[in-house]
């Protein structure tokens, strides 16, 4: 079902949307807006999945007896390695 609604844009956003339609990237401004909403919905689902995974990891960690924790010493570079990998993705 299609629902008609009114949307207001800034001049910048309106020009961008018109340009995308003229380029053929989408059939209409309405379809461009729908694509943007779909992308936001997908990103939200992905974020929720990641948070659910992190929640499960934290719960599992909380249920792990302290005697089973892995001890780290000053030679362990795990956190430095993670920081380095994260800096490459930014």
C-alpha atoms as a PDB file:
ATOM      1  CA  UNK A   1       0.000   0.000   0.000  1.00  0.00           C
ATOM      2  CA  UNK A   2       1.267   3.456  -0.857  1.00  0.00           C
ATOM      3  CA  UNK A   3       0.590   6.349   1.497  1.00  0.00           C
ATOM      4  CA  UNK A   4       0.867   9.908   0.289  1.00  0.00           C
ATOM      5  CA  UNK A   5       2.576  12.363   2.616  1.00  0.00           C
ATOM      6  CA  UNK A   6       4.159  15.786   2.457  1.00  0.00           C
ATOM      7  CA  UNK A   7       7.887  16.182   3.023  1.00  0.00           C
ATOM      8  CA  UNK A   8       9.877  19.408   3.235  1.00  0.00           C
ATOM      9  CA  UNK A   9      13.514  19.616   2.118  1.00  0.00           C
ATOM     10  CA  UNK A  10      16.247  22.157   2.426  1.00  0.00           C
ATOM     11  CA  UNK A  11      17.278  23.630  -0.917  1.00  0.00           C
ATOM     12  CA  UNK A  12      20.483  21.575  -0.784  1.00  0.00           C
ATOM     13  CA  UNK A  13      18.629  18.312  -0.220  1.00  0.00           C
ATOM     14  CA  UNK A  14      16.043  19.117  -2.879  1.00  0.00           C
ATOM     15  CA  UNK A  15      18.729  19.880  -5.470  1.00  0.00           C
ATOM     16  CA  UNK A  16      20.535  16.643  -4.636  1.00  0.00           C
ATOM     17  CA  UNK A  17      17.330  14.621  -4.967  1.00  0.00           C
ATOM     18  CA  UNK A  18      16.452  16.246  -8.299  1.00  0.00           C
ATOM     19  CA  UNK A  19      19.978  15.598  -9.566  1.00  0.00           C
ATOM     20  CA  UNK A  20      19.725  11.888  -8.668  1.00  0.00           C
ATOM     21  CA  UNK A  21      16.432  11.621 -10.523  1.00  0.00           C
ATOM     22  CA  UNK A  22      17.890  13.417 -13.566  1.00  0.00           C
ATOM     23  CA  UNK A  23      20.917  11.082 -13.527  1.00  0.00           C
ATOM     24  CA  UNK A  24      18.578   8.094 -13.482  1.00  0.00           C
ATOM     25  CA  UNK A  25      19.788   6.851 -10.087  1.00  0.00           C
ATOM     26  CA  UNK A  26      16.153   6.585  -9.062  1.00  0.00           C
ATOM     27  CA  UNK A  27      12.798   7.001 -10.765  1.00  0.00           C
ATOM     28  CA  UNK A  28      11.515   9.830  -8.580  1.00  0.00           C
ATOM     29  CA  UNK A  29      12.188  11.856  -5.467  1.00  0.00           C
ATOM     30  CA  UNK A  30       9.713   9.587  -3.673  1.00  0.00           C
ATOM     31  CA  UNK A  31      11.723   6.504  -4.586  1.00  0.00           C
ATOM     32  CA  UNK A  32      14.931   8.232  -3.474  1.00  0.00           C
ATOM     33  CA  UNK A  33      13.369   8.978  -0.087  1.00  0.00           C
ATOM     34  CA  UNK A  34      12.114   5.380   0.146  1.00  0.00           C
ATOM     35  CA  UNK A  35      15.642   4.104  -0.604  1.00  0.00           C
ATOM     36  CA  UNK A  36      17.033   6.305   2.158  1.00  0.00           C
ATOM     37  CA  UNK A  37      14.462   5.042   4.637  1.00  0.00           C
ATOM     38  CA  UNK A  38      15.176   1.425   3.638  1.00  0.00           C
ATOM     39  CA  UNK A  39      18.888   2.004   4.200  1.00  0.00           C
ATOM     40  CA  UNK A  40      18.219   3.480   7.652  1.00  0.00           C
ATOM     41  CA  UNK A  41      15.999   0.514   8.514  1.00  0.00           C
ATOM     42  CA  UNK A  42      18.727  -1.923   7.413  1.00  0.00           C
ATOM     43  CA  UNK A  43      21.399  -0.069   9.387  1.00  0.00           C
ATOM     44  CA  UNK A  44      19.182  -0.146  12.471  1.00  0.00           C
ATOM     45  CA  UNK A  45      18.656  -3.899  12.116  1.00  0.00           C
ATOM     46  CA  UNK A  46      22.401  -4.425  11.741  1.00  0.00           C
ATOM     47  CA  UNK A  47      23.089  -2.265  14.795  1.00  0.00           C
ATOM     48  CA  UNK A  48      20.524  -4.204  16.824  1.00  0.00           C
ATOM     49  CA  UNK A  49      22.114  -7.506  15.748  1.00  0.00           C
ATOM     50  CA  UNK A  50      25.566  -6.284  16.789  1.00  0.00           C
ATOM     51  CA  UNK A  51      24.255  -5.040  20.135  1.00  0.00           C
ATOM     52  CA  UNK A  52      22.473  -8.358  20.713  1.00  0.00           C
ATOM     53  CA  UNK A  53      25.726 -10.193  20.023  1.00  0.00           C
ATOM     54  CA  UNK A  54      27.624  -7.920  22.377  1.00  0.00           C
ATOM     55  CA  UNK A  55      24.956  -8.408  25.033  1.00  0.00           C
ATOM     56  CA  UNK A  56      25.300 -12.180  24.745  1.00  0.00           C
ATOM     57  CA  UNK A  57      29.084 -11.916  24.971  1.00  0.00           C
ATOM     58  CA  UNK A  58      28.831  -9.813  28.122  1.00  0.00           C
ATOM     59  CA  UNK A  59      26.319 -12.224  29.658  1.00  0.00           C
ATOM     60  CA  UNK A  60      28.586 -15.174  28.872  1.00  0.00           C
ATOM     61  CA  UNK A  61      31.534 -13.315  30.399  1.00  0.00           C
ATOM     62  CA  UNK A  62      29.518 -12.569  33.538  1.00  0.00           C
ATOM     63  CA  UNK A  63      28.733 -16.267  33.882  1.00  0.00           C
ATOM     64  CA  UNK A  64      32.385 -17.270  33.521  1.00  0.00           C
ATOM     65  CA  UNK A  65      34.013 -18.029  36.863  1.00  0.00           C
ATOM     66  CA  UNK A  66      36.891 -15.701  37.670  1.00  0.00           C
ATOM     67  CA  UNK A  67      39.197 -18.701  37.935  1.00  0.00           C
ATOM     68  CA  UNK A  68      38.709 -19.252  34.179  1.00  0.00           C
ATOM     69  CA  UNK A  69      39.683 -15.704  33.181  1.00  0.00           C
ATOM     70  CA  UNK A  70      42.750 -15.445  30.973  1.00  0.00           C
ATOM     71  CA  UNK A  71      45.448 -13.461  32.685  1.00  0.00           C
ATOM     72  CA  UNK A  72      47.262 -10.842  30.638  1.00  0.00           C
ATOM     73  CA  UNK A  73      50.793  -9.673  31.277  1.00  0.00           C
ATOM     74  CA  UNK A  74      52.763  -6.630  30.156  1.00  0.00           C
ATOM     75  CA  UNK A  75      53.915  -8.474  26.994  1.00  0.00           C
ATOM     76  CA  UNK A  76      50.380  -9.036  25.751  1.00  0.00           C
ATOM     77  CA  UNK A  77      49.670  -6.760  22.765  1.00  0.00           C
ATOM     78  CA  UNK A  78      46.028  -7.689  22.203  1.00  0.00           C
ATOM     79  CA  UNK A  79      44.608  -4.219  22.941  1.00  0.00           C
ATOM     80  CA  UNK A  80      47.331  -2.499  20.923  1.00  0.00           C
ATOM     81  CA  UNK A  81      46.572  -4.814  17.991  1.00  0.00           C
ATOM     82  CA  UNK A  82      42.852  -3.996  18.233  1.00  0.00           C
ATOM     83  CA  UNK A  83      43.524  -0.259  18.400  1.00  0.00           C
ATOM     84  CA  UNK A  84      45.754  -0.525  15.330  1.00  0.00           C
ATOM     85  CA  UNK A  85      43.096  -2.415  13.351  1.00  0.00           C
ATOM     86  CA  UNK A  86      40.401   0.066  14.358  1.00  0.00           C
ATOM     87  CA  UNK A  87      42.536   3.026  13.332  1.00  0.00           C
ATOM     88  CA  UNK A  88      42.890   1.514   9.842  1.00  0.00           C
ATOM     89  CA  UNK A  89      39.090   1.395   9.408  1.00  0.00           C
ATOM     90  CA  UNK A  90      38.490   5.023  10.379  1.00  0.00           C
END
